[in-house]
Amino acid sequence: MAEHKHGEMDITTQKKTFDGFVTFTVRSVVVIAVLVVLLALVGA
Protein backbone atom coordinates (compact mmCIF):
# COMPACT_ATOMS: atom_id res chain seq x y z
CA MET A 1 0.00 0.00 0.00
CA ALA A 2 1.33 3.44 -0.90
CA GLU A 3 2.46 5.77 1.83
CA HIS A 4 0.29 8.89 2.13
CA LYS A 5 2.20 12.17 2.21
CA HIS A 6 0.19 15.19 3.30
CA GLY A 7 0.00 18.03 0.78
CA GLU A 8 1.20 16.21 -2.34
CA MET A 9 -2.14 15.67 -4.07
CA ASP A 10 -3.11 18.04 -6.89
CA ILE A 11 -6.43 19.53 -5.77
CA THR A 12 -6.85 22.09 -8.58
CA THR A 13 -9.96 20.38 -9.95
CA GLN A 14 -11.52 20.04 -6.51
CA LYS A 15 -10.90 23.73 -5.75
CA LYS A 16 -12.49 24.80 -9.04
CA THR A 17 -15.49 22.57 -8.37
CA PHE A 18 -15.92 23.94 -4.84
CA ASP A 19 -15.56 27.55 -6.03
CA GLY A 20 -18.17 26.91 -8.71
CA PHE A 21 -20.51 25.37 -6.15
CA VAL A 22 -20.15 28.33 -3.80
CA THR A 23 -20.71 30.81 -6.65
CA PHE A 24 -23.81 28.91 -7.81
CA THR A 25 -25.19 28.77 -4.27
CA VAL A 26 -24.67 32.48 -3.60
CA ARG A 27 -26.25 33.47 -6.91
CA SER A 28 -29.19 31.14 -6.30
CA VAL A 29 -29.82 32.60 -2.86
CA VAL A 30 -29.73 36.14 -4.26
CA VAL A 31 -32.20 35.24 -7.04
CA ILE A 32 -34.54 33.55 -4.58
CA ALA A 33 -34.38 36.54 -2.22
CA VAL A 34 -35.21 38.93 -5.07
CA LEU A 35 -38.13 36.75 -6.12
CA VAL A 36 -39.46 36.65 -2.56
CA VAL A 37 -39.26 40.44 -2.30
CA LEU A 38 -40.99 40.87 -5.66
CA LEU A 39 -43.76 38.47 -4.64
CA ALA A 40 -44.21 40.39 -1.39
CA LEU A 41 -44.46 43.70 -3.25
CA VAL A 42 -46.90 42.37 -5.86
CA GLY A 43 -48.99 40.62 -3.23
CA ALA A 44 -49.28 37.33 -5.05
PDB file of N, CA and C in Angstrom:
ATOM      1  N   MET A   1       0.842  -1.175   0.000  1.00  0.00           N
ATOM      2  CA  MET A   1       0.000   0.000   0.000  1.00  0.00           C
ATOM      3  C   MET A   1       0.891   1.243   0.000  1.00  0.00           C
ATOM      4  N   ALA A   2       0.516   2.227  -0.770  1.00  0.00           N
ATOM      5  CA  ALA A   2       1.326   3.442  -0.903  1.00  0.00           C
ATOM      6  C   ALA A   2       1.276   4.267   0.379  1.00  0.00           C
ATOM      7  N   GLU A   3       2.367   4.909   0.649  1.00  0.00           N
ATOM      8  CA  GLU A   3       2.457   5.773   1.827  1.00  0.00           C
ATOM      9  C   GLU A   3       1.823   7.130   1.495  1.00  0.00           C
ATOM     10  N   HIS A   4       0.948   7.591   2.347  1.00  0.00           N
ATOM     11  CA  HIS A   4       0.294   8.891   2.130  1.00  0.00           C
ATOM     12  C   HIS A   4       1.197  10.006   2.642  1.00  0.00           C
ATOM     13  N   LYS A   5       1.408  11.011   1.803  1.00  0.00           N
ATOM     14  CA  LYS A   5       2.202  12.172   2.207  1.00  0.00           C
ATOM     15  C   LYS A   5       1.317  13.400   2.098  1.00  0.00           C
ATOM     16  N   HIS A   6       1.096  14.042   3.226  1.00  0.00           N
ATOM     17  CA  HIS A   6       0.194  15.194   3.303  1.00  0.00           C
ATOM     18  C   HIS A   6       0.657  16.334   2.395  1.00  0.00           C
ATOM     19  N   GLY A   7      -0.276  16.864   1.603  1.00  0.00           N
ATOM     20  CA  GLY A   7       0.001  18.033   0.782  1.00  0.00           C
ATOM     21  C   GLY A   7       0.547  17.758  -0.604  1.00  0.00           C
ATOM     22  N   GLU A   8       0.631  16.516  -1.026  1.00  0.00           N
ATOM     23  CA  GLU A   8       1.198  16.213  -2.341  1.00  0.00           C
ATOM     24  C   GLU A   8       0.156  16.040  -3.436  1.00  0.00           C
ATOM     25  N   MET A   9      -1.107  15.903  -3.064  1.00  0.00           N
ATOM     26  CA  MET A   9      -2.144  15.671  -4.066  1.00  0.00           C
ATOM     27  C   MET A   9      -2.500  16.968  -4.791  1.00  0.00           C
ATOM     28  N   ASP A  10      -2.685  16.874  -6.105  1.00  0.00           N
ATOM     29  CA  ASP A  10      -3.114  18.038  -6.887  1.00  0.00           C
ATOM     30  C   ASP A  10      -4.619  18.211  -6.707  1.00  0.00           C
ATOM     31  N   ILE A  11      -5.017  19.310  -6.072  1.00  0.00           N
ATOM     32  CA  ILE A  11      -6.428  19.534  -5.775  1.00  0.00           C
ATOM     33  C   ILE A  11      -7.010  20.678  -6.603  1.00  0.00           C
ATOM     34  N   THR A  12      -6.394  20.992  -7.733  1.00  0.00           N
ATOM     35  CA  THR A  12      -6.852  22.091  -8.578  1.00  0.00           C
ATOM     36  C   THR A  12      -8.292  21.875  -9.027  1.00  0.00           C
ATOM     37  N   THR A  13      -8.608  20.682  -9.479  1.00  0.00           N
ATOM     38  CA  THR A  13      -9.964  20.385  -9.947  1.00  0.00           C
ATOM     39  C   THR A  13     -10.970  20.482  -8.809  1.00  0.00           C
ATOM     40  N   GLN A  14     -10.613  19.979  -7.649  1.00  0.00           N
ATOM     41  CA  GLN A  14     -11.518  20.045  -6.510  1.00  0.00           C
ATOM     42  C   GLN A  14     -11.774  21.487  -6.088  1.00  0.00           C
ATOM     43  N   LYS A  15     -10.730  22.313  -6.123  1.00  0.00           N
ATOM     44  CA  LYS A  15     -10.895  23.727  -5.749  1.00  0.00           C
ATOM     45  C   LYS A  15     -11.808  24.448  -6.731  1.00  0.00           C
ATOM     46  N   LYS A  16     -11.634  24.174  -8.034  1.00  0.00           N
ATOM     47  CA  LYS A  16     -12.488  24.799  -9.043  1.00  0.00           C
ATOM     48  C   LYS A  16     -13.936  24.367  -8.870  1.00  0.00           C
ATOM     49  N   THR A  17     -14.143  23.083  -8.580  1.00  0.00           N
ATOM     50  CA  THR A  17     -15.493  22.571  -8.373  1.00  0.00           C
ATOM     51  C   THR A  17     -16.131  23.233  -7.152  1.00  0.00           C
ATOM     52  N   PHE A  18     -15.390  23.326  -6.058  1.00  0.00           N
ATOM     53  CA  PHE A  18     -15.919  23.940  -4.841  1.00  0.00           C
ATOM     54  C   PHE A  18     -16.224  25.416  -5.067  1.00  0.00           C
ATOM     55  N   ASP A  19     -15.318  26.135  -5.738  1.00  0.00           N
ATOM     56  CA  ASP A  19     -15.556  27.552  -6.029  1.00  0.00           C
ATOM     57  C   ASP A  19     -16.797  27.729  -6.895  1.00  0.00           C
ATOM     58  N   GLY A  20     -16.981  26.852  -7.874  1.00  0.00           N
ATOM     59  CA  GLY A  20     -18.169  26.908  -8.714  1.00  0.00           C
ATOM     60  C   GLY A  20     -19.431  26.639  -7.913  1.00  0.00           C
ATOM     61  N   PHE A  21     -19.370  25.681  -7.005  1.00  0.00           N
ATOM     62  CA  PHE A  21     -20.512  25.369  -6.155  1.00  0.00           C
ATOM     63  C   PHE A  21     -20.880  26.556  -5.268  1.00  0.00           C
ATOM     64  N   VAL A  22     -19.889  27.179  -4.666  1.00  0.00           N
ATOM     65  CA  VAL A  22     -20.150  28.333  -3.798  1.00  0.00           C
ATOM     66  C   VAL A  22     -20.739  29.482  -4.603  1.00  0.00           C
ATOM     67  N   THR A  23     -20.193  29.744  -5.786  1.00  0.00           N
ATOM     68  CA  THR A  23     -20.709  30.805  -6.646  1.00  0.00           C
ATOM     69  C   THR A  23     -22.158  30.523  -7.032  1.00  0.00           C
ATOM     70  N   PHE A  24     -22.451  29.290  -7.445  1.00  0.00           N
ATOM     71  CA  PHE A  24     -23.808  28.908  -7.812  1.00  0.00           C
ATOM     72  C   PHE A  24     -24.763  29.087  -6.636  1.00  0.00           C
ATOM     73  N   THR A  25     -24.344  28.670  -5.450  1.00  0.00           N
ATOM     74  CA  THR A  25     -25.187  28.768  -4.269  1.00  0.00           C
ATOM     75  C   THR A  25     -25.484  30.219  -3.914  1.00  0.00           C
ATOM     76  N   VAL A  26     -24.476  31.064  -3.938  1.00  0.00           N
ATOM     77  CA  VAL A  26     -24.668  32.476  -3.604  1.00  0.00           C
ATOM     78  C   VAL A  26     -25.604  33.133  -4.607  1.00  0.00           C
ATOM     79  N   ARG A  27     -25.387  32.887  -5.884  1.00  0.00           N
ATOM     80  CA  ARG A  27     -26.251  33.475  -6.906  1.00  0.00           C
ATOM     81  C   ARG A  27     -27.680  32.977  -6.779  1.00  0.00           C
ATOM     82  N   SER A  28     -27.849  31.703  -6.476  1.00  0.00           N
ATOM     83  CA  SER A  28     -29.192  31.144  -6.301  1.00  0.00           C
ATOM     84  C   SER A  28     -29.914  31.787  -5.127  1.00  0.00           C
ATOM     85  N   VAL A  29     -29.207  31.976  -4.032  1.00  0.00           N
ATOM     86  CA  VAL A  29     -29.817  32.595  -2.855  1.00  0.00           C
ATOM     87  C   VAL A  29     -30.223  34.036  -3.169  1.00  0.00           C
ATOM     88  N   VAL A  30     -29.394  34.754  -3.895  1.00  0.00           N
ATOM     89  CA  VAL A  30     -29.729  36.138  -4.261  1.00  0.00           C
ATOM     90  C   VAL A  30     -30.972  36.168  -5.154  1.00  0.00           C
ATOM     91  N   VAL A  31     -31.033  35.293  -6.148  1.00  0.00           N
ATOM     92  CA  VAL A  31     -32.196  35.243  -7.042  1.00  0.00           C
ATOM     93  C   VAL A  31     -33.457  34.897  -6.267  1.00  0.00           C
ATOM     94  N   ILE A  32     -33.378  33.931  -5.380  1.00  0.00           N
ATOM     95  CA  ILE A  32     -34.542  33.546  -4.581  1.00  0.00           C
ATOM     96  C   ILE A  32     -34.982  34.696  -3.687  1.00  0.00           C
ATOM     97  N   ALA A  33     -34.035  35.400  -3.074  1.00  0.00           N
ATOM     98  CA  ALA A  33     -34.378  36.535  -2.223  1.00  0.00           C
ATOM     99  C   ALA A  33     -35.080  37.628  -3.015  1.00  0.00           C
ATOM    100  N   VAL A  34     -34.578  37.912  -4.220  1.00  0.00           N
ATOM    101  CA  VAL A  34     -35.208  38.932  -5.067  1.00  0.00           C
ATOM    102  C   VAL A  34     -36.622  38.497  -5.437  1.00  0.00           C
ATOM    103  N   LEU A  35     -36.796  37.251  -5.786  1.00  0.00           N
ATOM    104  CA  LEU A  35     -38.128  36.751  -6.121  1.00  0.00           C
ATOM    105  C   LEU A  35     -39.084  36.859  -4.935  1.00  0.00           C
ATOM    106  N   VAL A  36     -38.617  36.549  -3.750  1.00  0.00           N
ATOM    107  CA  VAL A  36     -39.465  36.646  -2.558  1.00  0.00           C
ATOM    108  C   VAL A  36     -39.875  38.098  -2.318  1.00  0.00           C
ATOM    109  N   VAL A  37     -38.941  39.026  -2.482  1.00  0.00           N
ATOM    110  CA  VAL A  37     -39.260  40.445  -2.299  1.00  0.00           C
ATOM    111  C   VAL A  37     -40.261  40.910  -3.349  1.00  0.00           C
ATOM    112  N   LEU A  38     -40.058  40.497  -4.596  1.00  0.00           N
ATOM    113  CA  LEU A  38     -40.995  40.871  -5.662  1.00  0.00           C
ATOM    114  C   LEU A  38     -42.380  40.304  -5.409  1.00  0.00           C
ATOM    115  N   LEU A  39     -42.452  39.056  -4.971  1.00  0.00           N
ATOM    116  CA  LEU A  39     -43.755  38.471  -4.638  1.00  0.00           C
ATOM    117  C   LEU A  39     -44.432  39.205  -3.487  1.00  0.00           C
ATOM    118  N   ALA A  40     -43.654  39.653  -2.516  1.00  0.00           N
ATOM    119  CA  ALA A  40     -44.209  40.385  -1.387  1.00  0.00           C
ATOM    120  C   ALA A  40     -44.737  41.751  -1.848  1.00  0.00           C
ATOM    121  N   LEU A  41     -44.037  42.394  -2.761  1.00  0.00           N
ATOM    122  CA  LEU A  41     -44.464  43.704  -3.254  1.00  0.00           C
ATOM    123  C   LEU A  41     -45.703  43.605  -4.141  1.00  0.00           C
ATOM    124  N   VAL A  42     -45.773  42.551  -4.958  1.00  0.00           N
ATOM    125  CA  VAL A  42     -46.904  42.372  -5.865  1.00  0.00           C
ATOM    126  C   VAL A  42     -48.129  41.875  -5.091  1.00  0.00           C
ATOM    127  N   GLY A  43     -47.901  41.127  -4.040  1.00  0.00           N
ATOM    128  CA  GLY A  43     -48.993  40.621  -3.234  1.00  0.00           C
ATOM    129  C   GLY A  43     -49.579  39.318  -3.756  1.00  0.00           C
ATOM    130  N   ALA A  44     -48.766  38.582  -4.467  1.00  0.00           N
ATOM    131  CA  ALA A  44     -49.278  37.325  -5.046  1.00  0.00           C
ATOM    132  C   ALA A  44     -49.382  36.231  -4.013  1.00  0.00           C
TER     133      ALA A  44
END
